[in-house]
């Protein structure tokens, strides 16, 4: 029943009541007869409105439920499709991992360019950053030139991470100091220091400046090295690794007092094992052999897989004229140096260790010959 229909009924009620008031001679039964017609219309109208409204409400509720079901089904299909895409991307990426971890830089570059066609481009860019090398960095630079929108942002982030990783690798192992400086320059072309301030939990910039400083130091560019060390100290004055790197630089410059100070600071801050190794070298240089042996022992305990620690310990024992300990340490160094993969191996060390081990082996053979029978 519409509002217009209801209005008509009300007007009819008004007309009837006026007639009733003018016809007082009719008795109450006549009035009831007149009213019953009108009231029945009212009741029927109200009942009709109730059932119509109730039916429509049920229709709306049913329609809402159907919409929700359809939406849930659509979302489930989308999630299934996305999972299938991720699986397909992961399977494709797995096929190229061997190329990314290999030695062929052209293969690395090609692999990353193919992976950039994945629907999950972020995965491809992260792989490029993780397996940072000449090939993957060239691929990221090439992709950045044509990148747009969100892809361009992701590519910048990946390229910064790749350059940062290669800088660390050069610091730890490859020792390409010119490339370190070039990569550091490129990082600040991609991102400002303010954008990098909180990266890597706040360690990105302190590491950036200390590695760039170390590269300057190795190239005997001491003024820019000192400036970068100062920048790093401003950001994180109690960073043990920073003090180790500063100490390394002063050791290279033969400023032994400053070197010792920073090694002591690194040990005091976090008992840094590398600081013990470098401080051992400091002690060896100034003739404090026992202190050098003590520090080298601390280092090889922390890093038993690094040949350089045992090589340095052998040198200290040699100066102390402790032949058995010297040969034992040298033998361990020899075993390690021929399977060293993580840290840099100086070929001069390899030749020297092998030649000196020949002397130890010769001495051992002589000693065996002089042993009394039965022993």
Protein backbone atom coordinates (compact mmCIF):
# COMPACT_ATOMS: atom_id res chain seq x y z
CA UNK A 1 0.00 0.00 0.00
CA UNK A 2 1.40 3.38 -1.00
CA UNK A 3 1.43 6.63 0.95
CA UNK A 4 -1.07 8.08 -1.55
CA UNK A 5 -3.48 5.19 -0.92
CA UNK A 6 -3.18 5.69 2.83
CA UNK A 7 -3.92 9.39 2.45
CA UNK A 8 -7.12 8.55 0.55
CA UNK A 9 -8.25 6.25 3.38
CA UNK A 10 -7.68 8.97 5.94
CA UNK A 11 -9.72 11.44 3.93
CA UNK A 12 -12.52 8.85 3.68
CA UNK A 13 -12.37 8.47 7.47
CA UNK A 14 -12.74 12.25 7.88
CA UNK A 15 -15.78 12.35 5.55
CA UNK A 16 -17.49 9.48 7.33
CA UNK A 17 -16.94 11.05 10.75
CA UNK A 18 -18.53 14.28 9.52
CA UNK A 19 -21.55 12.35 8.26
CA UNK A 20 -21.83 10.55 11.57
CA UNK A 21 -21.77 13.76 13.49
CA UNK A 22 -24.63 15.14 11.31
CA UNK A 23 -26.73 11.99 11.56
CA UNK A 24 -27.27 11.78 15.26
CA UNK A 25 -30.62 10.11 14.70
CA UNK A 26 -28.88 6.91 13.60
CA UNK A 27 -28.20 4.50 16.35
CA UNK A 28 -24.85 3.11 17.27
CA UNK A 29 -25.39 -0.02 15.21
CA UNK A 30 -25.68 2.06 12.06
CA UNK A 31 -22.50 3.89 13.08
CA UNK A 32 -20.73 0.59 13.67
CA UNK A 33 -21.84 -0.68 10.28
CA UNK A 34 -20.43 2.41 8.62
CA UNK A 35 -17.20 2.23 10.60
CA UNK A 36 -16.70 -1.47 10.01
CA UNK A 37 -16.32 -0.91 6.28
CA UNK A 38 -13.72 1.72 6.82
CA UNK A 39 -11.85 -0.16 9.58
CA UNK A 40 -11.65 -3.30 7.51
CA UNK A 41 -9.97 -1.27 4.77
CA UNK A 42 -7.50 0.12 7.31
CA UNK A 43 -6.70 -3.34 8.73
CA UNK A 44 -6.25 -4.85 5.28
CA UNK A 45 -3.97 -1.97 4.29
CA UNK A 46 -1.84 -2.25 7.41
CA UNK A 47 -1.54 -6.03 7.09
CA UNK A 48 -0.60 -5.61 3.42
CA UNK A 49 2.09 -3.09 4.30
CA UNK A 50 3.52 -5.40 6.98
CA UNK A 51 3.77 -8.46 4.74
CA UNK A 52 5.10 -6.43 1.80
CA UNK A 53 7.79 -4.83 3.98
CA UNK A 54 8.72 -8.16 5.56
CA UNK A 55 8.99 -9.85 2.16
CA UNK A 56 11.14 -7.07 0.76
CA UNK A 57 13.43 -7.18 3.84
CA UNK A 58 13.87 -10.91 3.33
CA UNK A 59 14.63 -10.32 -0.33
CA UNK A 60 17.29 -7.73 0.61
CA UNK A 61 18.82 -10.06 3.24
CA UNK A 62 18.97 -12.91 0.73
CA UNK A 63 20.53 -10.64 -1.90
CA UNK A 64 23.14 -9.39 0.61
CA UNK A 65 24.03 -12.97 1.51
CA UNK A 66 24.40 -13.88 -2.15
CA UNK A 67 26.66 -10.86 -2.72
CA UNK A 68 28.83 -11.83 0.26
CA UNK A 69 29.12 -15.42 -0.97
CA UNK A 70 30.03 -14.25 -4.47
CA UNK A 71 32.62 -11.83 -3.03
CA UNK A 72 34.15 -14.54 -0.82
CA UNK A 73 34.32 -16.92 -3.79
CA UNK A 74 35.97 -14.27 -5.94
CA UNK A 75 38.53 -13.45 -3.22
CA UNK A 76 39.31 -17.14 -2.79
CA UNK A 77 39.86 -17.48 -6.54
CA UNK A 78 42.15 -14.43 -6.50
CA UNK A 79 44.17 -15.89 -3.60
CA UNK A 80 44.46 -19.20 -5.43
CA UNK A 81 45.60 -17.45 -8.60
CA UNK A 82 48.13 -15.36 -6.68
CA UNK A 83 49.51 -18.49 -5.00
CA UNK A 84 49.84 -20.15 -8.40
CA UNK A 85 51.68 -17.09 -9.73
CA UNK A 86 54.06 -17.09 -6.77
CA UNK A 87 54.73 -20.80 -7.24
CA UNK A 88 55.38 -20.33 -10.95
CA UNK A 89 57.69 -17.35 -10.25
CA UNK A 90 59.61 -19.31 -7.62
CA UNK A 91 60.02 -22.27 -9.98
CA UNK A 92 61.33 -20.01 -12.74
CA UNK A 93 63.68 -18.24 -10.33
CA UNK A 94 65.03 -21.59 -9.14
CA UNK A 95 66.07 -22.44 -12.68
CA UNK A 96 68.38 -19.41 -12.81
CA UNK A 97 69.95 -19.63 -9.34
CA UNK A 98 72.87 -21.61 -10.76
CA UNK A 99 73.58 -18.77 -13.20
CA UNK A 100 73.32 -16.12 -10.48
CA UNK A 101 75.77 -17.99 -8.23
CA UNK A 102 78.22 -18.83 -11.03
CA UNK A 103 81.32 -17.03 -12.26
CA UNK A 104 80.06 -16.01 -15.71
CA UNK A 105 79.01 -12.37 -15.41
CA UNK A 106 77.22 -12.34 -18.78
CA UNK A 107 75.15 -15.33 -17.66
CA UNK A 108 74.28 -13.51 -14.44
CA UNK A 109 73.22 -10.44 -16.36
CA UNK A 110 71.07 -12.47 -18.76
CA UNK A 111 69.49 -14.46 -15.96
CA UNK A 112 68.41 -11.36 -14.09
CA UNK A 113 67.02 -9.72 -17.24
CA UNK A 114 64.90 -12.82 -17.83
CA UNK A 115 63.77 -12.92 -14.22
CA UNK A 116 62.69 -9.27 -14.47
CA UNK A 117 59.81 -10.48 -16.65
CA UNK A 118 58.29 -12.25 -13.65
CA UNK A 119 54.92 -11.01 -12.49
CA UNK A 120 56.53 -10.68 -9.07
CA UNK A 121 59.20 -8.18 -10.15
CA UNK A 122 60.20 -7.47 -6.56
CA UNK A 123 61.47 -11.06 -6.25
CA UNK A 124 63.67 -10.62 -9.32
CA UNK A 125 65.10 -7.32 -8.07
CA UNK A 126 65.84 -8.78 -4.63
CA UNK A 127 67.67 -11.71 -6.22
CA UNK A 128 69.78 -9.21 -8.15
CA UNK A 129 70.68 -7.42 -4.93
CA UNK A 130 71.39 -10.65 -3.04
CA UNK A 131 73.69 -12.06 -5.73
CA UNK A 132 75.47 -8.76 -6.23
CA UNK A 133 78.23 -8.82 -8.83
CA UNK A 134 79.25 -7.05 -12.00
CA UNK A 135 76.65 -8.87 -14.10
CA UNK A 136 73.65 -8.40 -11.80
CA UNK A 137 74.53 -4.76 -11.12
CA UNK A 138 74.76 -4.07 -14.87
CA UNK A 139 71.35 -5.70 -15.33
CA UNK A 140 69.80 -3.59 -12.54
CA UNK A 141 71.27 -0.41 -14.03
CA UNK A 142 69.86 -1.33 -17.44
CA UNK A 143 66.41 -2.04 -16.00
CA UNK A 144 66.46 1.21 -14.03
CA UNK A 145 66.83 3.25 -17.23
CA UNK A 146 63.47 2.02 -18.50
CA UNK A 147 61.76 1.53 -15.14
CA UNK A 148 58.68 3.52 -14.20
CA UNK A 149 56.57 4.14 -11.12
CA UNK A 150 56.80 1.50 -8.41
CA UNK A 151 59.25 -0.57 -10.48
CA UNK A 152 61.69 2.34 -10.54
CA UNK A 153 61.50 2.68 -6.75
CA UNK A 154 62.07 -1.05 -6.26
CA UNK A 155 64.99 -0.99 -8.70
CA UNK A 156 66.66 1.89 -6.88
CA UNK A 157 66.37 0.03 -3.58
CA UNK A 158 67.74 -3.17 -5.13
CA UNK A 159 70.63 -1.35 -6.79
CA UNK A 160 71.60 0.39 -3.55
CA UNK A 161 71.61 -2.98 -1.77
CA UNK A 162 73.65 -4.61 -4.55
CA UNK A 163 76.29 -1.86 -4.56
CA UNK A 164 76.44 -1.94 -0.77
CA UNK A 165 76.94 -5.73 -0.80
CA UNK A 166 79.74 -5.47 -3.37
CA UNK A 167 81.41 -2.78 -1.29
CA UNK A 168 81.36 -5.08 1.73
CA UNK A 169 82.73 -7.95 -0.35
CA UNK A 170 85.60 -5.75 -1.52
CA UNK A 171 86.32 -4.73 2.06
CA UNK A 172 86.32 -8.30 3.35
CA UNK A 173 87.77 -10.26 0.44
CA UNK A 174 88.31 -8.80 -3.04
CA UNK A 175 90.12 -5.58 -2.04
CA UNK A 176 89.16 -3.61 -5.16
CA UNK A 177 89.38 -0.19 -3.52
CA UNK A 178 88.77 1.90 -6.64
CA UNK A 179 85.55 -0.01 -7.23
CA UNK A 180 84.57 0.56 -3.60
CA UNK A 181 84.82 4.32 -4.07
CA UNK A 182 82.93 4.17 -7.36
CA UNK A 183 80.12 2.10 -5.82
CA UNK A 184 79.87 4.43 -2.83
CA UNK A 185 79.54 7.41 -5.14
CA UNK A 186 76.76 5.69 -7.10
CA UNK A 187 74.86 4.86 -3.91
CA UNK A 188 74.55 8.55 -3.02
CA UNK A 189 73.42 9.31 -6.56
CA UNK A 190 70.51 6.93 -6.03
CA UNK A 191 69.61 7.85 -2.45
CA UNK A 192 70.37 10.79 -0.19
CA UNK A 193 71.96 10.28 3.25
CA UNK A 194 68.64 11.23 4.86
CA UNK A 195 66.88 8.45 2.92
CA UNK A 196 69.52 5.96 4.11
CA UNK A 197 69.70 7.07 7.73
CA UNK A 198 67.42 4.37 9.15
CA UNK A 199 68.32 1.62 6.67
CA UNK A 200 69.68 -1.66 8.09
CA UNK A 201 68.58 -0.66 11.57
CA UNK A 202 70.63 2.54 11.39
CA UNK A 203 73.88 0.73 10.49
CA UNK A 204 73.85 1.46 6.76
CA UNK A 205 75.43 4.92 6.86
CA UNK A 206 78.06 4.13 9.55
CA UNK A 207 79.14 1.10 7.50
CA UNK A 208 79.03 3.11 4.28
CA UNK A 209 81.34 5.80 5.66
CA UNK A 210 83.73 3.35 7.34
CA UNK A 211 84.13 1.25 4.19
CA UNK A 212 84.64 4.33 2.03
CA UNK A 213 87.16 5.61 4.57
CA UNK A 214 89.01 2.30 4.50
CA UNK A 215 89.19 2.39 0.69
CA UNK A 216 90.65 5.90 0.88
CA UNK A 217 93.11 4.69 3.51
CA UNK A 218 94.31 1.74 1.39
CA UNK A 219 94.81 4.14 -1.51
CA UNK A 220 96.78 6.40 0.89
CA UNK A 221 94.16 9.15 0.64
CA UNK A 222 94.25 9.91 4.33
CA UNK A 223 92.42 13.25 4.50
CA UNK A 224 89.16 11.96 2.95
CA UNK A 225 89.59 8.79 5.02
CA UNK A 226 89.68 10.80 8.24
CA UNK A 227 86.64 12.84 7.19
CA UNK A 228 84.63 9.69 6.50
CA UNK A 229 85.68 8.15 9.80
CA UNK A 230 84.49 11.31 11.55
CA UNK A 231 81.12 11.09 9.78
CA UNK A 232 80.72 7.50 10.88
CA UNK A 233 81.69 8.31 14.47
CA UNK A 234 79.09 11.10 14.59
CA UNK A 235 76.41 8.60 13.65
CA UNK A 236 77.52 5.71 15.87
CA UNK A 237 80.41 6.46 18.27
CA UNK A 238 80.15 3.14 20.13
CA UNK A 239 80.23 0.87 17.09
CA UNK A 240 82.92 -1.77 17.73
CA UNK A 241 83.47 -2.62 14.05
CA UNK A 242 84.00 1.02 13.24
CA UNK A 243 86.80 1.26 15.82
CA UNK A 244 88.40 -1.90 14.37
CA UNK A 245 88.42 -0.31 10.89
CA UNK A 246 89.84 2.95 12.22
CA UNK A 247 92.52 0.96 14.03
CA UNK A 248 93.34 -0.90 10.80
CA UNK A 249 93.85 2.38 9.00
CA UNK A 250 96.15 3.74 11.73
CA UNK A 251 98.08 0.45 11.71
CA UNK A 252 98.62 0.87 7.96
CA UNK A 253 99.90 4.39 8.63
CA UNK A 254 102.14 3.05 11.39
CA UNK A 255 100.42 5.28 13.94
CA UNK A 256 100.59 2.57 16.57
CA UNK A 257 99.29 4.60 19.51
CA UNK A 258 96.05 5.52 17.73
CA UNK A 259 95.71 2.00 16.38
CA UNK A 260 96.05 0.49 19.87
CA UNK A 261 93.52 2.96 21.27
CA UNK A 262 90.81 1.98 18.79
CA UNK A 263 91.47 -1.75 19.10
CA UNK A 264 91.11 -1.41 22.87
CA UNK A 265 87.86 0.51 22.40
CA UNK A 266 86.45 -2.22 20.12
CA UNK A 267 87.34 -4.89 22.66
CA UNK A 268 85.86 -2.85 25.49
CA UNK A 269 82.60 -2.21 23.62
CA UNK A 270 81.83 -5.76 22.47
CA UNK A 271 84.91 -7.97 22.95
CA UNK A 272 85.39 -7.84 19.17
CA UNK A 273 87.50 -10.83 18.00
CA UNK A 274 88.95 -8.98 14.99
CA UNK A 275 90.27 -6.31 17.34
CA UNK A 276 92.27 -9.02 19.14
CA UNK A 277 93.77 -10.13 15.82
CA UNK A 278 94.85 -6.65 14.80
CA UNK A 279 96.04 -5.78 18.29
CA UNK A 280 98.15 -8.97 18.18
CA UNK A 281 99.84 -7.59 15.05
CA UNK A 282 100.43 -4.32 16.89
CA UNK A 283 102.06 -6.19 19.80
CA UNK A 284 104.19 -8.26 17.41
CA UNK A 285 105.49 -5.12 15.72
CA UNK A 286 106.63 -3.55 18.97
CA UNK A 287 108.20 -6.77 20.26
CA UNK A 288 105.60 -7.79 22.87
CA UNK A 289 105.51 -11.44 21.76
CA UNK A 290 103.61 -12.95 24.69
CA UNK A 291 100.84 -10.36 24.36
CA UNK A 292 100.71 -11.01 20.62
CA UNK A 293 100.38 -14.78 21.14
CA UNK A 294 97.61 -14.22 23.69
CA UNK A 295 95.63 -11.99 21.31
CA UNK A 296 96.13 -14.31 18.33
CA UNK A 297 94.87 -17.27 20.38
CA UNK A 298 91.76 -15.29 21.20
CA UNK A 299 91.25 -14.57 17.49
CA UNK A 300 91.68 -18.15 16.21
CA UNK A 301 89.30 -19.39 18.87
CA UNK A 302 86.63 -17.05 17.50
CA UNK A 303 87.53 -17.64 13.83
CA UNK A 304 88.96 -21.18 13.53
CA UNK A 305 88.43 -21.21 9.77
CA UNK A 306 90.59 -18.19 8.93
CA UNK A 307 94.10 -19.17 7.87
CA UNK A 308 95.46 -15.69 8.59
CA UNK A 309 95.00 -16.11 12.34
CA UNK A 310 97.05 -19.30 12.48
CA UNK A 311 99.62 -17.85 10.08
CA UNK A 312 100.07 -14.85 12.38
CA UNK A 313 100.21 -17.12 15.43
CA UNK A 314 102.94 -19.20 13.74
CA UNK A 315 104.97 -16.03 13.14
CA UNK A 316 104.67 -15.13 16.82
CA UNK A 317 105.76 -18.61 17.95
CA UNK A 318 108.69 -18.44 15.55
CA UNK A 319 109.88 -15.21 17.16
CA UNK A 320 109.42 -16.86 20.54
CA UNK A 321 111.47 -19.83 19.21
CA UNK A 322 108.75 -22.29 20.16
CA UNK A 323 109.29 -24.68 17.26
CA UNK A 324 106.58 -27.30 17.91
CA UNK A 325 103.88 -24.66 18.36
CA UNK A 326 105.20 -22.80 15.33
CA UNK A 327 104.98 -25.87 13.05
CA UNK A 328 101.57 -26.90 14.43
CA UNK A 329 100.10 -23.44 13.77
CA UNK A 330 101.72 -23.29 10.32
CA UNK A 331 100.28 -26.69 9.41
CA UNK A 332 96.78 -25.56 10.37
CA UNK A 333 97.28 -22.41 8.29
CA UNK A 334 98.37 -24.52 5.32
CA UNK A 335 95.34 -26.80 5.58
CA UNK A 336 93.02 -23.80 5.70
CA UNK A 337 94.62 -21.65 3.01
CA UNK A 338 94.14 -24.28 0.31
CA UNK A 339 90.39 -24.43 0.92
CA UNK A 340 89.76 -20.78 1.78
CA UNK A 341 86.75 -19.38 -0.11
CA UNK A 342 85.24 -16.61 2.01
CA UNK A 343 88.19 -14.38 2.89
CA UNK A 344 90.89 -12.99 0.64
CA UNK A 345 93.90 -15.23 0.03
CA UNK A 346 97.23 -13.55 -0.66
CA UNK A 347 99.15 -15.82 -3.03
CA UNK A 348 102.38 -14.68 -1.38
CA UNK A 349 101.04 -16.17 1.86
CA UNK A 350 100.37 -19.47 0.13
CA UNK A 351 103.93 -19.69 -1.25
CA UNK A 352 105.50 -18.69 2.07
CA UNK A 353 103.41 -21.15 4.12
CA UNK A 354 104.15 -24.04 1.77
CA UNK A 355 107.89 -23.33 1.75
CA UNK A 356 108.10 -23.01 5.52
CA UNK A 357 106.05 -26.16 6.03
CA UNK A 358 108.69 -28.01 4.01
CA UNK A 359 111.16 -26.94 6.68
CA UNK A 360 108.87 -28.21 9.43
CA UNK A 361 108.39 -31.53 7.62
CA UNK A 362 112.16 -31.88 7.15
CA UNK A 363 112.78 -31.20 10.83
CA UNK A 364 110.13 -33.75 11.79
CA UNK A 365 111.75 -36.44 9.60
CA UNK A 366 115.12 -35.74 11.19
CA UNK A 367 113.62 -35.92 14.65
CA UNK A 368 111.92 -39.23 13.82
CA UNK A 369 115.24 -40.72 12.69
CA UNK A 370 116.96 -39.75 15.93
CA UNK A 371 114.27 -41.32 18.13
CA UNK A 372 115.66 -44.29 20.15
CA UNK A 373 114.34 -47.69 19.17
CA UNK A 374 111.30 -48.79 21.12
CA UNK A 375 109.96 -45.27 21.65
